[in-house]
């Protein structure tokens, strides 16, 4: 039997293209063989033509099939959220509606950390969406940024009943995930909103009035405490001090 000669480059072709390339060689060799009677050749030619048409049809059928794209690797924040799961690490899971993980730009240079979700946040699963959230949005805009350019999270990710302060065991269960978020984001500045956020991040018992107005460096990150937007809604006279704090953040972010 005479074997078809296949050149080296053809070995890199698909089997369909390789087969179509070798068909003429097969036909030529067949004509040179002893079995070259007219009836035999016509029968062989018809079979080869049908086979060639079938291969071409199969090629065309596969051209339009989109290739499956590889799945994108999960972001560090997505991995942290997956690790958190449907958290039951403290008693807050019994009364919450939704885990409020945090939201915003994953390349943010500025991060805001509040105390915990309120009723609106618990219902929507997003941080700072009530009246305090509207004020926070205006505070962000006042320093030349938009909300989608920053990242916003809380000390605890589930609403404390009645909007009470989160308790020590609840903070202990939740704050490791916040520090993982901070490590993943690597923000230049964290603005700690209110006493609970400031005391937790700084590891102190000092009040917000003693902590605000200056930067603190913890774990390589600058933290500037200021008043919580909900407190500013109740005490408008403190807005001037909060504006001074925000201007400090703005200047720090403007420096290279």
C-alpha atoms as a PDB file:
ATOM      1  CA  UNK A   1       0.000   0.000   0.000  1.00  0.00           C
ATOM      2  CA  UNK A   2       1.287   3.429  -0.897  1.00  0.00           C
ATOM      3  CA  UNK A   3       1.208   5.904   1.983  1.00  0.00           C
ATOM      4  CA  UNK A   4       0.439   9.546   1.479  1.00  0.00           C
ATOM      5  CA  UNK A   5       3.449  11.789   2.052  1.00  0.00           C
ATOM      6  CA  UNK A   6       2.734  14.564   4.573  1.00  0.00           C
ATOM      7  CA  UNK A   7       5.186  17.420   4.920  1.00  0.00           C
ATOM      8  CA  UNK A   8       6.263  18.619   8.362  1.00  0.00           C
ATOM      9  CA  UNK A   9       4.131  21.818   8.511  1.00  0.00           C
ATOM     10  CA  UNK A  10       0.964  19.801   7.901  1.00  0.00           C
ATOM     11  CA  UNK A  11       1.352  18.100  11.255  1.00  0.00           C
ATOM     12  CA  UNK A  12       0.415  21.364  12.931  1.00  0.00           C
ATOM     13  CA  UNK A  13      -2.871  21.543  11.023  1.00  0.00           C
ATOM     14  CA  UNK A  14      -6.223  20.345  12.279  1.00  0.00           C
ATOM     15  CA  UNK A  15      -7.066  16.803  11.307  1.00  0.00           C
ATOM     16  CA  UNK A  16      -9.763  18.067   8.924  1.00  0.00           C
ATOM     17  CA  UNK A  17      -7.388  20.336   7.034  1.00  0.00           C
ATOM     18  CA  UNK A  18      -4.680  17.675   7.033  1.00  0.00           C
ATOM     19  CA  UNK A  19      -7.080  15.150   5.542  1.00  0.00           C
ATOM     20  CA  UNK A  20      -8.203  17.547   2.813  1.00  0.00           C
ATOM     21  CA  UNK A  21      -4.571  18.287   1.968  1.00  0.00           C
ATOM     22  CA  UNK A  22      -3.735  14.604   1.521  1.00  0.00           C
ATOM     23  CA  UNK A  23      -6.777  13.694  -0.575  1.00  0.00           C
ATOM     24  CA  UNK A  24      -5.178  14.686  -3.929  1.00  0.00           C
ATOM     25  CA  UNK A  25      -2.127  12.575  -3.087  1.00  0.00           C
ATOM     26  CA  UNK A  26      -4.332   9.601  -2.302  1.00  0.00           C
ATOM     27  CA  UNK A  27      -6.225   9.969  -5.573  1.00  0.00           C
ATOM     28  CA  UNK A  28      -2.993  10.221  -7.606  1.00  0.00           C
ATOM     29  CA  UNK A  29      -1.514   7.161  -5.965  1.00  0.00           C
ATOM     30  CA  UNK A  30      -4.708   5.228  -6.578  1.00  0.00           C
ATOM     31  CA  UNK A  31      -4.517   5.933 -10.315  1.00  0.00           C
ATOM     32  CA  UNK A  32      -0.994   4.497 -10.354  1.00  0.00           C
ATOM     33  CA  UNK A  33      -2.025   1.296  -8.583  1.00  0.00           C
ATOM     34  CA  UNK A  34      -3.005  -1.946 -10.351  1.00  0.00           C
ATOM     35  CA  UNK A  35      -6.627  -1.385  -9.285  1.00  0.00           C
ATOM     36  CA  UNK A  36      -7.270   1.403 -11.763  1.00  0.00           C
ATOM     37  CA  UNK A  37     -10.164   0.006 -13.737  1.00  0.00           C
ATOM     38  CA  UNK A  38     -12.775   2.656 -14.672  1.00  0.00           C
ATOM     39  CA  UNK A  39     -15.582   1.230 -12.508  1.00  0.00           C
ATOM     40  CA  UNK A  40     -13.371   0.951  -9.465  1.00  0.00           C
ATOM     41  CA  UNK A  41     -11.989   4.465  -9.900  1.00  0.00           C
ATOM     42  CA  UNK A  42     -15.417   6.044 -10.352  1.00  0.00           C
ATOM     43  CA  UNK A  43     -16.671   4.333  -7.199  1.00  0.00           C
ATOM     44  CA  UNK A  44     -13.613   5.396  -5.222  1.00  0.00           C
ATOM     45  CA  UNK A  45     -13.830   8.969  -6.535  1.00  0.00           C
ATOM     46  CA  UNK A  46     -17.472   9.248  -5.473  1.00  0.00           C
ATOM     47  CA  UNK A  47     -16.666   7.956  -1.991  1.00  0.00           C
ATOM     48  CA  UNK A  48     -13.754  10.348  -1.579  1.00  0.00           C
ATOM     49  CA  UNK A  49     -15.812  13.281  -2.870  1.00  0.00           C
ATOM     50  CA  UNK A  50     -18.587  12.505  -0.387  1.00  0.00           C
ATOM     51  CA  UNK A  51     -16.098  12.192   2.441  1.00  0.00           C
ATOM     52  CA  UNK A  52     -14.418  15.471   1.498  1.00  0.00           C
ATOM     53  CA  UNK A  53     -17.793  17.245   1.385  1.00  0.00           C
ATOM     54  CA  UNK A  54     -18.647  15.850   4.814  1.00  0.00           C
ATOM     55  CA  UNK A  55     -15.369  17.066   6.327  1.00  0.00           C
ATOM     56  CA  UNK A  56     -15.897  20.544   4.837  1.00  0.00           C
ATOM     57  CA  UNK A  57     -19.432  20.607   6.232  1.00  0.00           C
ATOM     58  CA  UNK A  58     -18.149  19.714   9.704  1.00  0.00           C
ATOM     59  CA  UNK A  59     -15.529  22.456   9.470  1.00  0.00           C
ATOM     60  CA  UNK A  60     -18.147  25.084   8.614  1.00  0.00           C
ATOM     61  CA  UNK A  61     -20.405  23.839  11.400  1.00  0.00           C
ATOM     62  CA  UNK A  62     -17.714  24.456  14.016  1.00  0.00           C
ATOM     63  CA  UNK A  63     -16.599  27.892  12.772  1.00  0.00           C
ATOM     64  CA  UNK A  64     -19.526  29.685  14.379  1.00  0.00           C
ATOM     65  CA  UNK A  65     -19.234  28.051  17.782  1.00  0.00           C
ATOM     66  CA  UNK A  66     -17.805  30.618  20.238  1.00  0.00           C
ATOM     67  CA  UNK A  67     -14.882  29.465  22.297  1.00  0.00           C
ATOM     68  CA  UNK A  68     -15.442  29.392  26.011  1.00  0.00           C
ATOM     69  CA  UNK A  69     -13.601  32.245  27.669  1.00  0.00           C
ATOM     70  CA  UNK A  70     -11.580  31.397  30.749  1.00  0.00           C
ATOM     71  CA  UNK A  71     -13.203  32.536  33.981  1.00  0.00           C
ATOM     72  CA  UNK A  72     -11.645  35.666  35.449  1.00  0.00           C
ATOM     73  CA  UNK A  73      -9.836  35.132  38.719  1.00  0.00           C
ATOM     74  CA  UNK A  74     -11.857  36.427  41.671  1.00  0.00           C
ATOM     75  CA  UNK A  75     -10.721  39.728  43.124  1.00  0.00           C
ATOM     76  CA  UNK A  76      -9.296  39.790  46.653  1.00  0.00           C
ATOM     77  CA  UNK A  77     -12.486  41.470  47.921  1.00  0.00           C
ATOM     78  CA  UNK A  78     -14.616  38.790  46.272  1.00  0.00           C
ATOM     79  CA  UNK A  79     -12.512  36.138  47.980  1.00  0.00           C
ATOM     80  CA  UNK A  80     -12.997  37.849  51.347  1.00  0.00           C
ATOM     81  CA  UNK A  81     -16.751  38.026  50.749  1.00  0.00           C
ATOM     82  CA  UNK A  82     -16.797  34.336  49.874  1.00  0.00           C
ATOM     83  CA  UNK A  83     -14.887  33.518  53.060  1.00  0.00           C
ATOM     84  CA  UNK A  84     -17.396  35.551  55.092  1.00  0.00           C
ATOM     85  CA  UNK A  85     -20.255  33.514  53.615  1.00  0.00           C
ATOM     86  CA  UNK A  86     -23.640  33.650  55.346  1.00  0.00           C
ATOM     87  CA  UNK A  87     -21.910  34.609  58.561  1.00  0.00           C
ATOM     88  CA  UNK A  88     -23.160  33.277  61.905  1.00  0.00           C
ATOM     89  CA  UNK A  89     -20.056  34.203  63.912  1.00  0.00           C
ATOM     90  CA  UNK A  90     -21.962  36.450  66.341  1.00  0.00           C
ATOM     91  CA  UNK A  91     -25.532  36.916  67.525  1.00  0.00           C
ATOM     92  CA  UNK A  92     -26.266  39.737  65.068  1.00  0.00           C
ATOM     93  CA  UNK A  93     -27.053  37.169  62.379  1.00  0.00           C
ATOM     94  CA  UNK A  94     -30.264  36.284  64.225  1.00  0.00           C
ATOM     95  CA  UNK A  95     -31.869  39.672  63.618  1.00  0.00           C
ATOM     96  CA  UNK A  96     -30.253  40.941  60.425  1.00  0.00           C
ATOM     97  CA  UNK A  97     -31.873  40.871  57.005  1.00  0.00           C
ATOM     98  CA  UNK A  98     -28.742  41.323  54.905  1.00  0.00           C
ATOM     99  CA  UNK A  99     -24.976  41.301  55.338  1.00  0.00           C
ATOM    100  CA  UNK A 100     -23.671  44.746  54.362  1.00  0.00           C
ATOM    101  CA  UNK A 101     -20.188  43.883  53.165  1.00  0.00           C
ATOM    102  CA  UNK A 102     -19.141  47.247  51.711  1.00  0.00           C
ATOM    103  CA  UNK A 103     -19.012  48.816  48.280  1.00  0.00           C
ATOM    104  CA  UNK A 104     -16.987  51.116  46.093  1.00  0.00           C
ATOM    105  CA  UNK A 105     -13.873  51.377  44.001  1.00  0.00           C
ATOM    106  CA  UNK A 106     -11.413  48.537  44.545  1.00  0.00           C
ATOM    107  CA  UNK A 107      -8.546  50.898  43.619  1.00  0.00           C
ATOM    108  CA  UNK A 108      -9.789  53.645  45.949  1.00  0.00           C
ATOM    109  CA  UNK A 109      -7.216  55.857  47.643  1.00  0.00           C
ATOM    110  CA  UNK A 110      -9.808  56.945  50.207  1.00  0.00           C
ATOM    111  CA  UNK A 111     -11.889  54.622  52.367  1.00  0.00           C
ATOM    112  CA  UNK A 112     -14.681  55.535  54.778  1.00  0.00           C
ATOM    113  CA  UNK A 113     -15.443  53.258  57.728  1.00  0.00           C
ATOM    114  CA  UNK A 114     -18.627  53.709  59.724  1.00  0.00           C
ATOM    115  CA  UNK A 115     -20.068  51.949  62.736  1.00  0.00           C
ATOM    116  CA  UNK A 116     -22.658  49.525  61.375  1.00  0.00           C
ATOM    117  CA  UNK A 117     -25.667  49.268  59.076  1.00  0.00           C
ATOM    118  CA  UNK A 118     -28.911  51.041  59.939  1.00  0.00           C
ATOM    119  CA  UNK A 119     -32.425  50.029  58.945  1.00  0.00           C
ATOM    120  CA  UNK A 120     -32.121  51.273  55.349  1.00  0.00           C
ATOM    121  CA  UNK A 121     -28.738  49.650  54.903  1.00  0.00           C
ATOM    122  CA  UNK A 122     -30.005  46.365  56.355  1.00  0.00           C
ATOM    123  CA  UNK A 123     -32.910  46.411  53.895  1.00  0.00           C
ATOM    124  CA  UNK A 124     -30.829  47.262  50.812  1.00  0.00           C
ATOM    125  CA  UNK A 125     -27.559  45.509  51.610  1.00  0.00           C
ATOM    126  CA  UNK A 126     -25.542  48.677  50.940  1.00  0.00           C
ATOM    127  CA  UNK A 127     -23.682  50.972  53.358  1.00  0.00           C
ATOM    128  CA  UNK A 128     -24.797  54.554  54.013  1.00  0.00           C
ATOM    129  CA  UNK A 129     -27.972  54.773  51.934  1.00  0.00           C
ATOM    130  CA  UNK A 130     -30.260  56.609  54.371  1.00  0.00           C
ATOM    131  CA  UNK A 131     -30.159  60.274  55.397  1.00  0.00           C
ATOM    132  CA  UNK A 132     -26.681  59.844  56.846  1.00  0.00           C
ATOM    133  CA  UNK A 133     -25.632  58.283  53.555  1.00  0.00           C
ATOM    134  CA  UNK A 134     -26.924  61.268  51.595  1.00  0.00           C
ATOM    135  CA  UNK A 135     -24.873  63.572  53.822  1.00  0.00           C
ATOM    136  CA  UNK A 136     -21.786  61.374  53.400  1.00  0.00           C
ATOM    137  CA  UNK A 137     -22.192  61.581  49.623  1.00  0.00           C
ATOM    138  CA  UNK A 138     -22.224  65.389  49.849  1.00  0.00           C
ATOM    139  CA  UNK A 139     -19.135  65.299  52.087  1.00  0.00           C
ATOM    140  CA  UNK A 140     -17.322  63.192  49.489  1.00  0.00           C
ATOM    141  CA  UNK A 141     -18.331  65.579  46.712  1.00  0.00           C
ATOM    142  CA  UNK A 142     -17.173  68.556  48.783  1.00  0.00           C
ATOM    143  CA  UNK A 143     -13.558  67.346  48.510  1.00  0.00           C
ATOM    144  CA  UNK A 144     -13.772  66.882  44.759  1.00  0.00           C
ATOM    145  CA  UNK A 145     -14.596  63.179  44.588  1.00  0.00           C
ATOM    146  CA  UNK A 146     -17.607  61.085  43.659  1.00  0.00           C
ATOM    147  CA  UNK A 147     -19.009  58.254  45.714  1.00  0.00           C
ATOM    148  CA  UNK A 148     -17.993  55.626  43.154  1.00  0.00           C
ATOM    149  CA  UNK A 149     -14.350  56.714  43.535  1.00  0.00           C
ATOM    150  CA  UNK A 150     -14.101  55.759  47.223  1.00  0.00           C
ATOM    151  CA  UNK A 151     -14.772  52.607  49.215  1.00  0.00           C
ATOM    152  CA  UNK A 152     -17.267  52.493  52.090  1.00  0.00           C
ATOM    153  CA  UNK A 153     -17.588  49.846  54.808  1.00  0.00           C
ATOM    154  CA  UNK A 154     -18.473  49.478  58.492  1.00  0.00           C
ATOM    155  CA  UNK A 155     -16.950  48.029  61.644  1.00  0.00           C
ATOM    156  CA  UNK A 156     -19.725  45.397  61.766  1.00  0.00           C
ATOM    157  CA  UNK A 157     -21.537  44.109  58.709  1.00  0.00           C
ATOM    158  CA  UNK A 158     -24.888  43.294  60.332  1.00  0.00           C
ATOM    159  CA  UNK A 159     -27.312  45.764  61.885  1.00  0.00           C
ATOM    160  CA  UNK A 160     -27.337  45.874  65.694  1.00  0.00           C
ATOM    161  CA  UNK A 161     -30.962  45.734  66.927  1.00  0.00           C
ATOM    162  CA  UNK A 162     -32.448  49.171  67.500  1.00  0.00           C
ATOM    163  CA  UNK A 163     -29.319  50.771  66.035  1.00  0.00           C
ATOM    164  CA  UNK A 164     -27.487  50.279  69.324  1.00  0.00           C
ATOM    165  CA  UNK A 165     -23.693  50.358  69.424  1.00  0.00           C
ATOM    166  CA  UNK A 166     -22.096  47.060  68.407  1.00  0.00           C
ATOM    167  CA  UNK A 167     -20.908  45.057  71.391  1.00  0.00           C
ATOM    168  CA  UNK A 168     -17.349  43.908  71.969  1.00  0.00           C
ATOM    169  CA  UNK A 169     -17.920  40.273  70.967  1.00  0.00           C
ATOM    170  CA  UNK A 170     -19.660  41.398  67.762  1.00  0.00           C
ATOM    171  CA  UNK A 171     -16.774  43.682  66.853  1.00  0.00           C
ATOM    172  CA  UNK A 172     -14.254  40.944  67.662  1.00  0.00           C
ATOM    173  CA  UNK A 173     -16.039  38.543  65.297  1.00  0.00           C
ATOM    174  CA  UNK A 174     -16.366  41.010  62.435  1.00  0.00           C
ATOM    175  CA  UNK A 175     -13.378  43.342  62.430  1.00  0.00           C
ATOM    176  CA  UNK A 176     -10.853  40.777  61.078  1.00  0.00           C
ATOM    177  CA  UNK A 177     -12.786  40.845  57.801  1.00  0.00           C
ATOM    178  CA  UNK A 178     -12.598  44.645  57.761  1.00  0.00           C
ATOM    179  CA  UNK A 179      -8.826  44.507  58.163  1.00  0.00           C
ATOM    180  CA  UNK A 180      -8.687  42.013  55.296  1.00  0.00           C
ATOM    181  CA  UNK A 181     -10.645  44.496  53.178  1.00  0.00           C
ATOM    182  CA  UNK A 182      -8.242  47.271  54.134  1.00  0.00           C
ATOM    183  CA  UNK A 183      -5.252  45.083  53.275  1.00  0.00           C
ATOM    184  CA  UNK A 184      -6.790  44.221  49.898  1.00  0.00           C
ATOM    185  CA  UNK A 185      -7.645  47.845  49.082  1.00  0.00           C
ATOM    186  CA  UNK A 186      -4.440  49.462  50.364  1.00  0.00           C
ATOM    187  CA  UNK A 187      -6.057  52.916  50.642  1.00  0.00           C
ATOM    188  CA  UNK A 188      -3.887  55.933  51.269  1.00  0.00           C
ATOM    189  CA  UNK A 189      -6.316  57.376  53.832  1.00  0.00           C
ATOM    190  CA  UNK A 190      -9.115  55.923  55.941  1.00  0.00           C
ATOM    191  CA  UNK A 191     -11.684  58.343  57.291  1.00  0.00           C
ATOM    192  CA  UNK A 192     -13.111  56.812  60.473  1.00  0.00           C
ATOM    193  CA  UNK A 193     -16.674  58.035  60.918  1.00  0.00           C
ATOM    194  CA  UNK A 194     -17.646  58.337  64.558  1.00  0.00           C
ATOM    195  CA  UNK A 195     -16.459  57.118  67.934  1.00  0.00           C
ATOM    196  CA  UNK A 196     -16.917  53.362  67.433  1.00  0.00           C
ATOM    197  CA  UNK A 197     -15.050  53.298  64.118  1.00  0.00           C
ATOM    198  CA  UNK A 198     -12.231  55.487  65.428  1.00  0.00           C
ATOM    199  CA  UNK A 199     -11.762  53.590  68.692  1.00  0.00           C
ATOM    200  CA  UNK A 200     -11.852  50.205  66.973  1.00  0.00           C
ATOM    201  CA  UNK A 201      -9.385  51.056  64.211  1.00  0.00           C
ATOM    202  CA  UNK A 202      -7.013  52.890  66.546  1.00  0.00           C
ATOM    203  CA  UNK A 203      -7.330  50.482  69.476  1.00  0.00           C
ATOM    204  CA  UNK A 204      -8.073  53.224  71.990  1.00  0.00           C
ATOM    205  CA  UNK A 205     -10.766  54.341  74.410  1.00  0.00           C
ATOM    206  CA  UNK A 206     -10.335  58.062  73.721  1.00  0.00           C
ATOM    207  CA  UNK A 207     -13.383  59.986  72.561  1.00  0.00           C
ATOM    208  CA  UNK A 208     -13.915  61.279  69.054  1.00  0.00           C
ATOM    209  CA  UNK A 209     -13.290  64.895  70.061  1.00  0.00           C
ATOM    210  CA  UNK A 210      -9.802  63.941  71.261  1.00  0.00           C
ATOM    211  CA  UNK A 211      -9.060  61.786  68.209  1.00  0.00           C
ATOM    212  CA  UNK A 212     -10.330  63.973  65.370  1.00  0.00           C
ATOM    213  CA  UNK A 213      -8.352  66.750  63.732  1.00  0.00           C
ATOM    214  CA  UNK A 214      -5.141  64.784  63.174  1.00  0.00           C
ATOM    215  CA  UNK A 215      -3.836  61.754  61.328  1.00  0.00           C
ATOM    216  CA  UNK A 216      -2.979  58.487  63.043  1.00  0.00           C
ATOM    217  CA  UNK A 217      -0.870  55.825  61.348  1.00  0.00           C
ATOM    218  CA  UNK A 218      -1.934  52.236  62.010  1.00  0.00           C
ATOM    219  CA  UNK A 219      -0.589  49.235  60.061  1.00  0.00           C
ATOM    220  CA  UNK A 220       0.939  51.586  57.525  1.00  0.00           C
ATOM    221  CA  UNK A 221      -2.337  53.387  56.767  1.00  0.00           C
ATOM    222  CA  UNK A 222      -3.225  56.981  57.637  1.00  0.00           C
ATOM    223  CA  UNK A 223      -6.460  57.168  59.623  1.00  0.00           C
ATOM    224  CA  UNK A 224      -8.286  60.425  60.220  1.00  0.00           C
ATOM    225  CA  UNK A 225     -11.255  60.253  62.607  1.00  0.00           C
ATOM    226  CA  UNK A 226     -14.167  62.647  62.218  1.00  0.00           C
ATOM    227  CA  UNK A 227     -17.793  62.873  63.250  1.00  0.00           C
ATOM    228  CA  UNK A 228     -20.317  60.358  61.966  1.00  0.00           C
ATOM    229  CA  UNK A 229     -22.770  61.835  59.422  1.00  0.00           C
ATOM    230  CA  UNK A 230     -25.710  60.751  61.612  1.00  0.00           C
ATOM    231  CA  UNK A 231     -24.228  62.777  64.484  1.00  0.00           C
ATOM    232  CA  UNK A 232     -23.786  65.774  62.191  1.00  0.00           C
ATOM    233  CA  UNK A 233     -27.471  65.585  61.264  1.00  0.00           C
ATOM    234  CA  UNK A 234     -28.332  65.783  64.964  1.00  0.00           C
ATOM    235  CA  UNK A 235     -25.643  68.370  65.749  1.00  0.00           C
ATOM    236  CA  UNK A 236     -25.197  70.714  62.762  1.00  0.00           C
ATOM    237  CA  UNK A 237     -22.850  72.949  64.769  1.00  0.00           C
ATOM    238  CA  UNK A 238     -20.140  70.277  64.400  1.00  0.00           C
ATOM    239  CA  UNK A 239     -20.190  70.413  60.599  1.00  0.00           C
ATOM    240  CA  UNK A 240     -17.498  73.101  60.575  1.00  0.00           C
ATOM    241  CA  UNK A 241     -15.079  70.825  62.443  1.00  0.00           C
ATOM    242  CA  UNK A 242     -15.940  67.934  60.133  1.00  0.00           C
ATOM    243  CA  UNK A 243     -15.196  70.169  57.140  1.00  0.00           C
ATOM    244  CA  UNK A 244     -11.752  70.956  58.580  1.00  0.00           C
ATOM    245  CA  UNK A 245     -11.111  67.211  58.873  1.00  0.00           C
ATOM    246  CA  UNK A 246     -12.211  66.623  55.288  1.00  0.00           C
ATOM    247  CA  UNK A 247      -9.915  69.378  54.046  1.00  0.00           C
ATOM    248  CA  UNK A 248      -7.020  67.573  55.737  1.00  0.00           C
ATOM    249  CA  UNK A 249      -7.973  64.423  53.820  1.00  0.00           C
ATOM    250  CA  UNK A 250      -8.191  66.395  50.586  1.00  0.00           C
ATOM    251  CA  UNK A 251      -4.719  67.880  51.058  1.00  0.00           C
ATOM    252  CA  UNK A 252      -3.214  64.496  51.875  1.00  0.00           C
ATOM    253  CA  UNK A 253      -4.719  62.920  48.762  1.00  0.00           C
ATOM    254  CA  UNK A 254      -3.488  65.783  46.576  1.00  0.00           C
ATOM    255  CA  UNK A 255       0.128  65.168  47.595  1.00  0.00           C
ATOM    256  CA  UNK A 256       2.108  62.752  45.427  1.00  0.00           C
END
